[in-house]
Every structure is written in structure tokens, then in C-alpha cells.
C-alpha atoms as a PDB file:
ATOM      1  CA  MET A   1      98.849-152.727  29.315  1.00  0.00           C
ATOM      2  CA  ARG A   2      99.103-149.284  27.691  1.00  0.00           C
ATOM      3  CA  PHE A   3     101.495-146.364  28.306  1.00  0.00           C
ATOM      4  CA  ILE A   4     100.261-142.779  28.487  1.00  0.00           C
ATOM      5  CA  ALA A   5     103.806-141.468  27.772  1.00  0.00           C
ATOM      6  CA  GLU A   6     105.158-144.336  25.746  1.00  0.00           C
ATOM      7  CA  TRP A   7     108.101-142.367  24.413  1.00  0.00           C
ATOM      8  CA  ARG A   8     109.622-142.399  27.889  1.00  0.00           C
ATOM      9  CA  LEU A   9     110.360-146.153  27.560  1.00  0.00           C
ATOM     10  CA  TRP A  10     113.392-145.058  25.489  1.00  0.00           C
ATOM     11  CA  PHE A  11     115.120-144.511  28.847  1.00  0.00           C
ATOM     12  CA  LEU A  12     115.330-148.299  29.054  1.00  0.00           C
ATOM     13  CA  VAL A  13     118.102-147.934  26.457  1.00  0.00           C
ATOM     14  CA  GLY A  14     120.099-146.144  29.166  1.00  0.00           C
ATOM     15  CA  VAL A  15     119.511-149.003  31.573  1.00  0.00           C
ATOM     16  CA  ALA A  16     120.617-151.460  28.922  1.00  0.00           C
ATOM     17  CA  LEU A  17     123.823-149.398  28.391  1.00  0.00           C
ATOM     18  CA  LEU A  18     124.509-149.521  32.138  1.00  0.00           C
ATOM     19  CA  ALA A  19     124.143-153.309  32.056  1.00  0.00           C
ATOM     20  CA  ILE A  20     126.574-153.545  29.121  1.00  0.00           C
ATOM     21  CA  GLY A  21     129.004-151.170  30.888  1.00  0.00           C
ATOM     22  CA  TYR A  22     128.853-153.346  34.020  1.00  0.00           C
ATOM     23  CA  ILE A  23     129.631-156.485  32.105  1.00  0.00           C
ATOM     24  CA  PHE A  24     132.522-154.801  30.331  1.00  0.00           C
ATOM     25  CA  ALA A  25     133.916-153.413  33.636  1.00  0.00           C
ATOM     26  CA  GLN A  26     133.798-156.900  35.249  1.00  0.00           C
ATOM     27  CA  ARG A  27     135.703-158.391  32.347  1.00  0.00           C
ATOM     28  CA  ARG A  28     138.401-155.703  32.541  1.00  0.00           C
ATOM     29  CA  ARG A  29     138.658-156.182  36.337  1.00  0.00           C
ATOM     30  CA  ASN A  30     139.192-159.943  35.953  1.00  0.00           C
ATOM     31  CA  GLN A  31     141.854-159.494  33.279  1.00  0.00           C
ATOM     32  CA  TYR A  32     143.665-156.867  35.349  1.00  0.00           C
ATOM     33  CA  THR A  33     143.595-159.115  38.477  1.00  0.00           C
ATOM     34  CA  ILE A  34     145.001-162.101  36.640  1.00  0.00           C
ATOM     35  CA  ARG A  35     147.691-160.050  34.887  1.00  0.00           C
ATOM     36  CA  PHE A  36     149.108-158.193  37.862  1.00  0.00           C
ATOM     37  CA  THR A  37     148.438-160.417  40.882  1.00  0.00           C
ATOM     38  CA  SER A  38     149.965-163.627  42.033  1.00  0.00           C
ATOM     39  CA  SER A  39     147.333-166.217  42.175  1.00  0.00           C
ATOM     40  CA  GLU A  40     148.929-167.882  45.242  1.00  0.00           C
ATOM     41  CA  LEU A  41     149.041-164.588  47.093  1.00  0.00           C
ATOM     42  CA  LEU A  42     145.481-163.780  46.059  1.00  0.00           C
ATOM     43  CA  ASP A  43     144.179-167.070  47.428  1.00  0.00           C
ATOM     44  CA  ALA A  44     145.930-166.457  50.739  1.00  0.00           C
ATOM     45  CA  VAL A  45     144.777-162.854  51.175  1.00  0.00           C
ATOM     46  CA  ALA A  46     141.328-163.192  49.684  1.00  0.00           C
ATOM     47  CA  PRO A  47     140.072-166.755  49.667  1.00  0.00           C
ATOM     48  CA  ASN A  48     137.419-167.729  47.133  1.00  0.00           C
ATOM     49  CA  ARG A  49     133.946-166.518  47.833  1.00  0.00           C
ATOM     50  CA  PRO A  50     130.779-167.161  45.807  1.00  0.00           C
ATOM     51  CA  ASN A  51     131.244-164.917  42.744  1.00  0.00           C
ATOM     52  CA  TRP A  52     127.527-164.568  42.189  1.00  0.00           C
ATOM     53  CA  ARG A  53     127.094-162.482  45.364  1.00  0.00           C
ATOM     54  CA  ARG A  54     128.973-159.475  44.052  1.00  0.00           C
ATOM     55  CA  HIS A  55     126.666-159.362  40.998  1.00  0.00           C
ATOM     56  CA  VAL A  56     123.421-159.516  42.985  1.00  0.00           C
ATOM     57  CA  PRO A  57     123.324-155.828  44.050  1.00  0.00           C
ATOM     58  CA  ALA A  58     124.036-154.715  40.446  1.00  0.00           C
ATOM     59  CA  VAL A  59     121.297-156.915  38.995  1.00  0.00           C
ATOM     60  CA  LEU A  60     118.800-155.684  41.611  1.00  0.00           C
ATOM     61  CA  PHE A  61     119.794-152.044  40.967  1.00  0.00           C
ATOM     62  CA  LEU A  62     119.282-152.494  37.173  1.00  0.00           C
ATOM     63  CA  GLY A  63     115.904-154.086  37.863  1.00  0.00           C
ATOM     64  CA  ALA A  64     114.910-151.158  40.042  1.00  0.00           C
ATOM     65  CA  MET A  65     115.923-148.690  37.351  1.00  0.00           C
ATOM     66  CA  SER A  66     113.841-150.577  34.795  1.00  0.00           C
ATOM     67  CA  ALA A  67     110.811-150.515  37.069  1.00  0.00           C
ATOM     68  CA  PHE A  68     111.216-146.749  37.607  1.00  0.00           C
ATOM     69  CA  VAL A  69     111.479-146.156  33.880  1.00  0.00           C
ATOM     70  CA  VAL A  70     108.327-148.146  33.245  1.00  0.00           C
ATOM     71  CA  ALA A  71     106.578-146.139  36.024  1.00  0.00           C
ATOM     72  CA  PHE A  72     107.846-142.905  34.408  1.00  0.00           C
ATOM     73  CA  ALA A  73     106.118-143.947  31.161  1.00  0.00           C
ATOM     74  CA  GLN A  74     102.803-143.926  33.047  1.00  0.00           C
ATOM     75  CA  PRO A  75     101.456-147.479  32.456  1.00  0.00           C
ATOM     76  CA  ALA A  76      97.709-147.842  32.454  1.00  0.00           C
ATOM     77  CA  ARG A  77      95.193-150.627  31.998  1.00  0.00           C
ATOM     78  CA  ILE A  78      91.510-150.864  31.188  1.00  0.00           C
ATOM     79  CA  GLU A  79      89.382-151.265  34.287  1.00  0.00           C
ATOM     80  CA  GLU A  80      85.670-151.381  34.929  1.00  0.00           C
ATOM     81  CA  VAL A  81      84.396-148.630  37.124  1.00  0.00           C
ATOM     82  CA  PRO A  82      80.826-148.079  38.331  1.00  0.00           C
ATOM     83  CA  ARG A  83      78.774-145.611  36.249  1.00  0.00           C
ATOM     84  CA  GLU A  84      77.460-142.611  38.055  1.00  0.00           C
ATOM     85  CA  ARG A  85      74.257-142.418  36.027  1.00  0.00           C
ATOM     86  CA  ALA A  86      72.626-144.288  33.142  1.00  0.00           C
ATOM     87  CA  THR A  87      69.199-144.929  31.688  1.00  0.00           C
ATOM     88  CA  VAL A  88      67.990-148.390  30.654  1.00  0.00           C
ATOM     89  CA  VAL A  89      64.739-149.060  28.841  1.00  0.00           C
ATOM     90  CA  ILE A  90      63.531-152.690  28.832  1.00  0.00           C
ATOM     91  CA  ALA A  91      61.436-153.464  25.803  1.00  0.00           C
ATOM     92  CA  ILE A  92      59.577-156.771  26.072  1.00  0.00           C
ATOM     93  CA  ASP A  93      57.799-158.611  23.274  1.00  0.00           C
ATOM     94  CA  VAL A  94      54.141-159.317  24.200  1.00  0.00           C
ATOM     95  CA  SER A  95      53.091-160.815  20.926  1.00  0.00           C
ATOM     96  CA  LEU A  96      51.062-164.028  20.848  1.00  0.00           C
ATOM     97  CA  SER A  97      54.096-166.083  20.050  1.00  0.00           C
ATOM     98  CA  MET A  98      55.229-165.556  23.656  1.00  0.00           C
ATOM     99  CA  MET A  99      52.650-168.050  24.749  1.00  0.00           C
ATOM    100  CA  ALA A 100      54.853-170.843  23.368  1.00  0.00           C
ATOM    101  CA  THR A 101      55.697-173.457  26.026  1.00  0.00           C
ATOM    102  CA  ASP A 102      59.111-174.503  24.639  1.00  0.00           C
ATOM    103  CA  VAL A 103      60.453-172.629  27.645  1.00  0.00           C
ATOM    104  CA  GLU A 104      58.978-173.645  30.994  1.00  0.00           C
ATOM    105  CA  PRO A 105      56.426-172.608  32.003  1.00  0.00           C
ATOM    106  CA  ASP A 106      56.161-170.474  28.876  1.00  0.00           C
ATOM    107  CA  ARG A 107      58.090-167.656  27.161  1.00  0.00           C
ATOM    108  CA  PHE A 108      55.891-164.869  28.499  1.00  0.00           C
ATOM    109  CA  THR A 109      56.089-165.875  32.168  1.00  0.00           C
ATOM    110  CA  SER A 110      59.800-166.539  32.009  1.00  0.00           C
ATOM    111  CA  ALA A 111      60.454-163.198  30.319  1.00  0.00           C
ATOM    112  CA  VAL A 112      58.460-161.255  32.925  1.00  0.00           C
ATOM    113  CA  ASP A 113      60.096-163.060  35.846  1.00  0.00           C
ATOM    114  CA  ALA A 114      63.659-162.443  34.529  1.00  0.00           C
ATOM    115  CA  ALA A 115      62.931-158.772  33.715  1.00  0.00           C
ATOM    116  CA  THR A 116      61.515-158.313  37.241  1.00  0.00           C
ATOM    117  CA  GLN A 117      64.674-159.653  38.821  1.00  0.00           C
ATOM    118  CA  PHE A 118      66.797-157.463  36.562  1.00  0.00           C
ATOM    119  CA  SER A 119      64.757-154.434  37.570  1.00  0.00           C
ATOM    120  CA  ALA A 120      65.143-155.157  41.235  1.00  0.00           C
ATOM    121  CA  GLU A 121      68.893-155.617  41.006  1.00  0.00           C
ATOM    122  CA  LEU A 122      69.755-152.600  38.803  1.00  0.00           C
ATOM    123  CA  PRO A 123      71.632-149.861  40.750  1.00  0.00           C
ATOM    124  CA  ASP A 124      69.313-147.367  42.369  1.00  0.00           C
ATOM    125  CA  ARG A 125      71.004-144.392  40.805  1.00  0.00           C
ATOM    126  CA  PHE A 126      69.980-145.645  37.287  1.00  0.00           C
ATOM    127  CA  ASN A 127      66.828-144.561  35.472  1.00  0.00           C
ATOM    128  CA  LEU A 128      64.729-147.541  34.350  1.00  0.00           C
ATOM    129  CA  GLY A 129      61.841-147.591  31.942  1.00  0.00           C
ATOM    130  CA  LEU A 130      59.550-150.285  30.482  1.00  0.00           C
ATOM    131  CA  VAL A 131      58.174-150.582  26.965  1.00  0.00           C
ATOM    132  CA  LEU A 132      55.803-153.325  25.817  1.00  0.00           C
ATOM    133  CA  PHE A 133      55.380-154.153  22.165  1.00  0.00           C
ATOM    134  CA  ASN A 134      53.673-156.469  19.714  1.00  0.00           C
ATOM    135  CA  GLY A 135      52.126-155.002  16.551  1.00  0.00           C
ATOM    136  CA  ARG A 136      51.913-151.796  18.585  1.00  0.00           C
ATOM    137  CA  SER A 137      54.302-150.285  21.163  1.00  0.00           C
ATOM    138  CA  ALA A 138      53.571-148.463  24.364  1.00  0.00           C
ATOM    139  CA  ILE A 139      55.501-146.906  27.226  1.00  0.00           C
ATOM    140  CA  ARG A 140      54.258-148.750  30.304  1.00  0.00           C
ATOM    141  CA  VAL A 141      56.647-146.989  32.736  1.00  0.00           C
ATOM    142  CA  PRO A 142      58.676-143.892  31.806  1.00  0.00           C
ATOM    143  CA  PRO A 143      62.319-143.936  32.913  1.00  0.00           C
ATOM    144  CA  THR A 144      62.507-143.462  36.657  1.00  0.00           C
ATOM    145  CA  GLN A 145      64.798-144.112  39.539  1.00  0.00           C
ATOM    146  CA  ASN A 146      61.857-145.688  41.406  1.00  0.00           C
ATOM    147  CA  HIS A 147      62.413-149.183  40.113  1.00  0.00           C
ATOM    148  CA  ASN A 148      59.507-150.520  42.122  1.00  0.00           C
ATOM    149  CA  GLN A 149      57.218-148.932  39.562  1.00  0.00           C
ATOM    150  CA  VAL A 150      58.688-151.133  36.872  1.00  0.00           C
ATOM    151  CA  VAL A 151      58.588-154.212  39.129  1.00  0.00           C
ATOM    152  CA  GLN A 152      54.966-153.591  39.863  1.00  0.00           C
ATOM    153  CA  ALA A 153      54.085-153.107  36.214  1.00  0.00           C
ATOM    154  CA  LEU A 154      55.829-156.361  35.337  1.00  0.00           C
ATOM    155  CA  GLU A 155      54.109-158.226  38.087  1.00  0.00           C
ATOM    156  CA  GLY A 156      50.741-156.904  36.884  1.00  0.00           C
ATOM    157  CA  LEU A 157      51.116-158.274  33.376  1.00  0.00           C
ATOM    158  CA  THR A 158      48.900-161.105  32.266  1.00  0.00           C
ATOM    159  CA  GLU A 159      48.236-162.999  29.039  1.00  0.00           C
ATOM    160  CA  ASP A 160      45.507-160.486  28.302  1.00  0.00           C
ATOM    161  CA  ASP A 161      48.324-158.068  27.486  1.00  0.00           C
ATOM    162  CA  LEU A 162      49.481-160.289  24.581  1.00  0.00           C
ATOM    163  CA  GLY A 163      48.508-159.191  21.080  1.00  0.00           C
ATOM    164  CA  GLU A 164      48.970-159.891  17.403  1.00  0.00           C
ATOM    165  CA  GLY A 165      51.987-158.870  15.310  1.00  0.00           C
ATOM    166  CA  THR A 166      55.588-157.848  16.058  1.00  0.00           C
ATOM    167  CA  SER A 167      57.330-154.583  15.328  1.00  0.00           C
ATOM    168  CA  LEU A 168      60.948-154.417  16.460  1.00  0.00           C
ATOM    169  CA  GLY A 169      61.343-151.072  14.784  1.00  0.00           C
ATOM    170  CA  GLY A 170      58.338-149.726  16.605  1.00  0.00           C
ATOM    171  CA  ALA A 171      59.738-151.011  19.917  1.00  0.00           C
ATOM    172  CA  ILE A 172      62.994-149.097  19.319  1.00  0.00           C
ATOM    173  CA  LEU A 173      61.228-145.871  18.302  1.00  0.00           C
ATOM    174  CA  THR A 174      58.983-146.005  21.378  1.00  0.00           C
ATOM    175  CA  SER A 175      61.942-146.693  23.631  1.00  0.00           C
ATOM    176  CA  LEU A 176      63.738-143.672  22.153  1.00  0.00           C
ATOM    177  CA  ASP A 177      60.640-141.587  22.887  1.00  0.00           C
ATOM    178  CA  ALA A 178      60.820-142.737  26.501  1.00  0.00           C
ATOM    179  CA  LEU A 179      64.501-141.749  26.711  1.00  0.00           C
ATOM    180  CA  GLU A 180      63.715-138.211  25.587  1.00  0.00           C
ATOM    181  CA  ALA A 181      61.879-137.695  28.866  1.00  0.00           C
ATOM    182  CA  VAL A 182      65.023-138.215  30.917  1.00  0.00           C
ATOM    183  CA  PRO A 183      66.263-134.823  32.249  1.00  0.00           C
ATOM    184  CA  PRO A 184      69.970-133.821  32.095  1.00  0.00           C
ATOM    185  CA  ASP A 185      71.993-133.866  35.312  1.00  0.00           C
ATOM    186  CA  GLU A 186      73.198-130.775  37.144  1.00  0.00           C
ATOM    187  CA  THR A 187      75.940-130.271  34.594  1.00  0.00           C
ATOM    188  CA  GLY A 188      73.525-130.325  31.742  1.00  0.00           C
ATOM    189  CA  THR A 189      74.721-133.722  30.537  1.00  0.00           C
ATOM    190  CA  VAL A 190      72.217-136.444  29.561  1.00  0.00           C
ATOM    191  CA  PRO A 191      73.204-139.780  31.063  1.00  0.00           C
ATOM    192  CA  PRO A 192      74.257-142.624  28.732  1.00  0.00           C
ATOM    193  CA  ALA A 193      71.380-144.760  27.623  1.00  0.00           C
ATOM    194  CA  ARG A 194      70.723-148.283  26.374  1.00  0.00           C
ATOM    195  CA  ILE A 195      67.751-150.221  25.179  1.00  0.00           C
ATOM    196  CA  VAL A 196      67.419-153.889  26.133  1.00  0.00           C
ATOM    197  CA  LEU A 197      64.998-155.555  23.709  1.00  0.00           C
ATOM    198  CA  LEU A 198      63.680-159.057  24.314  1.00  0.00           C
ATOM    199  CA  SER A 199      61.875-160.851  21.549  1.00  0.00           C
ATOM    200  CA  ASP A 200      61.452-164.247  19.878  1.00  0.00           C
ATOM    201  CA  GLY A 201      60.784-163.243  16.311  1.00  0.00           C
ATOM    202  CA  THR A 202      60.973-161.005  13.315  1.00  0.00           C
ATOM    203  CA  SER A 203      59.007-157.874  12.570  1.00  0.00           C
ATOM    204  CA  THR A 204      55.722-158.631  10.842  1.00  0.00           C
ATOM    205  CA  VAL A 205      54.231-155.163  10.771  1.00  0.00           C
ATOM    206  CA  PRO A 206      55.684-151.630  10.241  1.00  0.00           C
ATOM    207  CA  PRO A 207      57.666-149.728  11.266  1.00  0.00           C
ATOM    208  CA  GLY A 208      60.468-152.042  10.179  1.00  0.00           C
ATOM    209  CA  ASP A 209      63.851-152.808  11.617  1.00  0.00           C
ATOM    210  CA  ASP A 210      65.675-150.402   9.330  1.00  0.00           C
ATOM    211  CA  GLU A 211      63.687-147.431  10.605  1.00  0.00           C
ATOM    212  CA  GLY A 212      64.378-148.348  14.229  1.00  0.00           C
ATOM    213  CA  VAL A 213      68.064-148.882  13.570  1.00  0.00           C
ATOM    214  CA  ALA A 214      68.442-145.584  11.816  1.00  0.00           C
ATOM    215  CA  ALA A 215      66.764-143.750  14.689  1.00  0.00           C
ATOM    216  CA  ALA A 216      68.931-145.537  17.335  1.00  0.00           C
ATOM    217  CA  ASN A 217      72.140-144.739  15.519  1.00  0.00           C
ATOM    218  CA  GLU A 218      71.112-141.111  15.111  1.00  0.00           C
ATOM    219  CA  ALA A 219      70.423-140.874  18.836  1.00  0.00           C
ATOM    220  CA  GLU A 220      73.638-142.873  19.571  1.00  0.00           C
ATOM    221  CA  VAL A 221      71.688-145.327  21.736  1.00  0.00           C
ATOM    222  CA  PRO A 222      72.916-148.956  21.390  1.00  0.00           C
ATOM    223  CA  VAL A 223      70.257-151.655  21.354  1.00  0.00           C
ATOM    224  CA  SER A 224      71.121-154.922  23.087  1.00  0.00           C
ATOM    225  CA  THR A 225      68.883-157.772  22.025  1.00  0.00           C
ATOM    226  CA  ILE A 226      67.905-161.034  23.697  1.00  0.00           C
ATOM    227  CA  SER A 227      66.475-163.732  21.509  1.00  0.00           C
ATOM    228  CA  PHE A 228      64.353-165.923  23.743  1.00  0.00           C
ATOM    229  CA  GLY A 229      62.994-169.334  22.865  1.00  0.00           C
ATOM    230  CA  THR A 230      63.862-172.322  20.709  1.00  0.00           C
ATOM    231  CA  VAL A 231      63.298-173.322  17.115  1.00  0.00           C
ATOM    232  CA  ARG A 232      60.708-175.874  18.376  1.00  0.00           C
ATOM    233  CA  GLY A 233      58.321-173.194  19.691  1.00  0.00           C
ATOM    234  CA  GLN A 234      54.700-173.383  18.621  1.00  0.00           C
ATOM    235  CA  ILE A 235      51.380-171.998  19.795  1.00  0.00           C
ATOM    236  CA  THR A 236      47.737-173.166  19.442  1.00  0.00           C
ATOM    237  CA  LEU A 237      45.131-170.630  18.292  1.00  0.00           C
ATOM    238  CA  GLU A 238      41.446-170.759  17.488  1.00  0.00           C
ATOM    239  CA  LEU A 239      41.028-169.603  13.891  1.00  0.00           C
ATOM    240  CA  ASP A 240      37.513-169.595  12.454  1.00  0.00           C
ATOM    241  CA  GLY A 241      36.433-171.961  15.190  1.00  0.00           C
ATOM    242  CA  VAL A 242      39.163-174.392  14.319  1.00  0.00           C
ATOM    243  CA  SER A 243      42.090-175.073  16.658  1.00  0.00           C
ATOM    244  CA  GLN A 244      45.361-174.734  14.778  1.00  0.00           C
ATOM    245  CA  THR A 245      48.936-175.251  15.815  1.00  0.00           C
ATOM    246  CA  ILE A 246      51.311-172.566  14.500  1.00  0.00           C
ATOM    247  CA  PRO A 247      55.078-172.862  14.632  1.00  0.00           C
ATOM    248  CA  VAL A 248      56.920-169.821  16.147  1.00  0.00           C
ATOM    249  CA  PRO A 249      60.635-170.567  16.018  1.00  0.00           C
ATOM    250  CA  VAL A 250      62.921-167.968  17.519  1.00  0.00           C
ATOM    251  CA  ASP A 251      64.781-165.772  15.025  1.00  0.00           C
ATOM    252  CA  ALA A 252      68.151-165.300  16.798  1.00  0.00           C
ATOM    253  CA  PRO A 253      70.124-164.268  13.636  1.00  0.00           C
ATOM    254  CA  ASN A 254      67.821-161.296  12.942  1.00  0.00           C
ATOM    255  CA  LEU A 255      68.039-160.048  16.507  1.00  0.00           C
ATOM    256  CA  ALA A 256      71.776-160.435  16.579  1.00  0.00           C
ATOM    257  CA  LEU A 257      71.990-158.426  13.333  1.00  0.00           C
ATOM    258  CA  LEU A 258      69.817-155.670  14.813  1.00  0.00           C
ATOM    259  CA  ALA A 259      72.134-155.425  17.859  1.00  0.00           C
ATOM    260  CA  GLU A 260      75.243-155.400  15.690  1.00  0.00           C
ATOM    261  CA  ARG A 261      73.844-152.545  13.496  1.00  0.00           C
ATOM    262  CA  THR A 262      73.211-150.357  16.554  1.00  0.00           C
ATOM    263  CA  GLY A 263      76.425-151.041  18.427  1.00  0.00           C
ATOM    264  CA  GLY A 264      74.724-153.169  21.063  1.00  0.00           C
ATOM    265  CA  ALA A 265      75.364-156.726  22.300  1.00  0.00           C
ATOM    266  CA  ALA A 266      73.436-159.791  21.194  1.00  0.00           C
ATOM    267  CA  PHE A 267      72.372-162.499  23.637  1.00  0.00           C
ATOM    268  CA  SER A 268      70.288-165.653  23.287  1.00  0.00           C
ATOM    269  CA  ALA A 269      68.496-167.779  25.878  1.00  0.00           C
ATOM    270  CA  SER A 270      66.597-171.018  25.488  1.00  0.00           C
ATOM    271  CA  SER A 271      65.582-171.484  29.128  1.00  0.00           C
ATOM    272  CA  SER A 272      64.529-169.487  32.157  1.00  0.00           C
ATOM    273  CA  ASP A 273      67.916-169.997  33.833  1.00  0.00           C
ATOM    274  CA  GLU A 274      69.753-168.808  30.773  1.00  0.00           C
ATOM    275  CA  LEU A 275      67.593-165.716  30.493  1.00  0.00           C
ATOM    276  CA  ARG A 276      68.345-164.765  34.083  1.00  0.00           C
ATOM    277  CA  GLU A 277      72.054-165.223  33.414  1.00  0.00           C
ATOM    278  CA  VAL A 278      71.779-162.982  30.314  1.00  0.00           C
ATOM    279  CA  TYR A 279      70.069-160.247  32.314  1.00  0.00           C
ATOM    280  CA  SER A 280      72.779-160.502  34.904  1.00  0.00           C
ATOM    281  CA  ASP A 281      75.457-160.072  32.223  1.00  0.00           C
ATOM    282  CA  ILE A 282      73.650-157.099  30.810  1.00  0.00           C
ATOM    283  CA  GLY A 283      73.354-155.569  34.279  1.00  0.00           C
ATOM    284  CA  SER A 284      77.134-155.868  34.749  1.00  0.00           C
ATOM    285  CA  ALA A 285      77.779-154.292  31.322  1.00  0.00           C
ATOM    286  CA  VAL A 286      75.370-151.422  31.898  1.00  0.00           C
ATOM    287  CA  GLY A 287      76.365-150.828  35.481  1.00  0.00           C
ATOM    288  CA  PHE A 288      80.065-150.360  34.675  1.00  0.00           C
ATOM    289  CA  GLU A 289      82.068-148.536  32.082  1.00  0.00           C
ATOM    290  CA  GLU A 290      85.641-149.117  30.922  1.00  0.00           C
ATOM    291  CA  GLU A 291      88.236-146.509  31.784  1.00  0.00           C
ATOM    292  CA  LEU A 292      91.965-146.231  31.347  1.00  0.00           C
ATOM    293  CA  VAL A 293      93.418-146.244  34.878  1.00  0.00           C
ATOM    294  CA  GLU A 294      97.075-145.424  35.520  1.00  0.00           C
ATOM    295  CA  VAL A 295      99.020-148.038  37.522  1.00  0.00           C
ATOM    296  CA  SER A 296     102.410-146.437  37.669  1.00  0.00           C
ATOM    297  CA  TRP A 297     102.371-146.731  41.462  1.00  0.00           C
ATOM    298  CA  TRP A 298     102.670-150.494  41.073  1.00  0.00           C
ATOM    299  CA  PHE A 299     105.933-150.302  39.166  1.00  0.00           C
ATOM    300  CA  SER A 300     107.196-147.544  41.464  1.00  0.00           C
ATOM    301  CA  GLY A 301     106.623-149.911  44.402  1.00  0.00           C
ATOM    302  CA  ILE A 302     108.542-152.716  42.649  1.00  0.00           C
ATOM    303  CA  GLY A 303     111.437-150.303  42.047  1.00  0.00           C
ATOM    304  CA  LEU A 304     111.504-149.159  45.674  1.00  0.00           C
ATOM    305  CA  VAL A 305     111.534-152.800  46.923  1.00  0.00           C
ATOM    306  CA  LEU A 306     114.374-153.676  44.500  1.00  0.00           C
ATOM    307  CA  LEU A 307     116.414-150.628  45.710  1.00  0.00           C
ATOM    308  CA  LEU A 308     115.976-151.695  49.312  1.00  0.00           C
ATOM    309  CA  LEU A 309     117.123-155.187  48.392  1.00  0.00           C
ATOM    310  CA  THR A 310     120.133-153.673  46.581  1.00  0.00           C
ATOM    311  CA  ALA A 311     121.193-151.783  49.702  1.00  0.00           C
ATOM    312  CA  GLY A 312     120.431-154.734  52.025  1.00  0.00           C
ATOM    313  CA  THR A 313     122.403-157.312  50.123  1.00  0.00           C
ATOM    314  CA  SER A 314     125.352-154.971  49.655  1.00  0.00           C
ATOM    315  CA  LEU A 315     125.428-154.079  53.326  1.00  0.00           C
ATOM    316  CA  VAL A 316     125.174-157.695  54.579  1.00  0.00           C
ATOM    317  CA  TRP A 317     127.625-159.253  52.125  1.00  0.00           C
ATOM    318  CA  PHE A 318     130.123-156.429  51.640  1.00  0.00           C
ATOM    319  CA  SER A 319     129.618-154.134  54.677  1.00  0.00           C
ATOM    320  CA  ARG A 320     128.917-151.115  52.553  1.00  0.00           C
ATOM    321  CA  LEU A 321     126.157-149.433  50.683  1.00  0.00           C
ATOM    322  CA  PRO A 322     126.352-149.490  46.888  1.00  0.00           C
END
């Protein structure tokens, strides 16, 4: 909870002084009664009643004043509100290591399926683009609000699209090129953008990570990364006519560092289900933004209820309004 006009909380000191004054007045009243009134006559004229009742209206009134002071200070809290516009570029690793079967049925198929679901569920008002990368990077679908184009491109991918090498820096640079094609809105403002990069490894060819990170920071575009696979991943390749098994463990720390350096979020998934959950989390993060929303009405309502209770208890028990 935050307060837009925090200095106004000093009025609570006045409420505290009222409470102290009430306590002091009650003590004086009791002393005066005992000093100047016959106790036998007092019991006959005004028999004992529950003493707590006469204090209830005062307590309720002080509570109401406290609530109104808090409302006057304009309390606010952070809430998630839907974004009006945004652009997301999905960059998917299509290097040969994505053939690893440590994730059923394999990394490549699982990655494509999860990205397809993400594309179909992203809000229609968002621009969505697709970049594929291995040793080279290419814009497969420029950012568009027609998400079916991305879905169709993903569904059309096959293992023939896999290639040698990995360049995370190149994937970021190509994704930034795709973002430059997004037109500003009617007010001339370019919508916020984010790159979602899925990979299982480290850059093996230039451009390197540093170049991509520098460009993303200059463009103020965070890169969220998804490390996909396990440390047990391996692929089998024919090299010089000989079948060889090559280990391809996922490099989650490097991808997490890349996200941290660009102000993005880092995720990891070691199964198809986990990957779908990660994309769901990213969709929620991208689809909403945090805003400071004033909630003074809530405390004003509490104050009003307490004032009504003050009047009601005083009227019922003492036949008068306070």
C-alpha cells in the first residue's frame, strides 16, 4: 500500500488527540460523580448499566475519522491492468541440437507446439512476429496483428529448417530489426515491445551475446529467455560417414544472464508441459502492466459505515444522536 499524499496522514495525530481527550474527559467525569453524588441516591435514580455501551459510539466515531484521514491521504496499490498495445517477437532456436529427444517427443517439436499455443492465445490487439535462428537468423513473420500468420508459419516448420550453429546475439539483432517495422499508433507512440527467445545452448558463431545485449539495451527492449531441455540432451549425427553421438546439454545460466542484462525475465523448462506453463506466464506478463491505482474509495466506505454505526448505536442505546 502506498499513499499519493502521504503527508496528510499527519491528521491522524488529531484523531489520537481526540482519543486522549475523550479518555481524560471520562476520568474527570467519574471523579466528579463520585465526589459530589451520593452513591445510594445514584443507584436508585440511575441503576447500573453496562459501562462499555457508552464508549462504543466514541470508538466507532474515532475509527471513522481514522478511515477518512487514510482516504484523504489517497492510498493506492499496484494492480495489473491490460495493455492497450504491445509487440512480441518470438525467436526460436532451430539449431541441430533441437533434435535432442531428452524432451518428448523432441526439443524442436515441443518448442514449436508451445509457441503455436502461445501465438493463438495472445491478445488480438498485440503485434506478434516470428524469428528463427541457428548460425543465421531470419524474420519468418514480421510483427502483425494477424496471429494466424505466425501459427501457420510454426505449423509449417519441419526438421529441414534445422541448421548448424547458434547465435543468440544474431537472434536479438534480427528481432530488433523486425520491431523497427512496427508503426506508431495514432498518437505517434510506438507500443512497448519484448523479445521472447527460446534456446537450449550458447552462442557458437558471431554476432555474440554482448553485441545483442548492447543493441537491446539501446533500443530499451527487454529480452525474456527460455532455456529448454536438460543436461542429458544428446543428438546423433553422421560425420564423415560415421554415426556419432554428441552431447548437447542446455545452458540455462547463460540464458538467464542474457535476460538479466537486458531487463527481461529468465525461465527454464525441461518438459513440454513446463514449456507451455512458461509461455502462459510470459503471456500474462506481456498482456498486463503494473499501474498505481488509487483505492481511497475503499477507506471512505469504511468511514461511512462506521459513522452510520456510531449514529445507530447512540440512537438505540441513548435515544439521541451523538
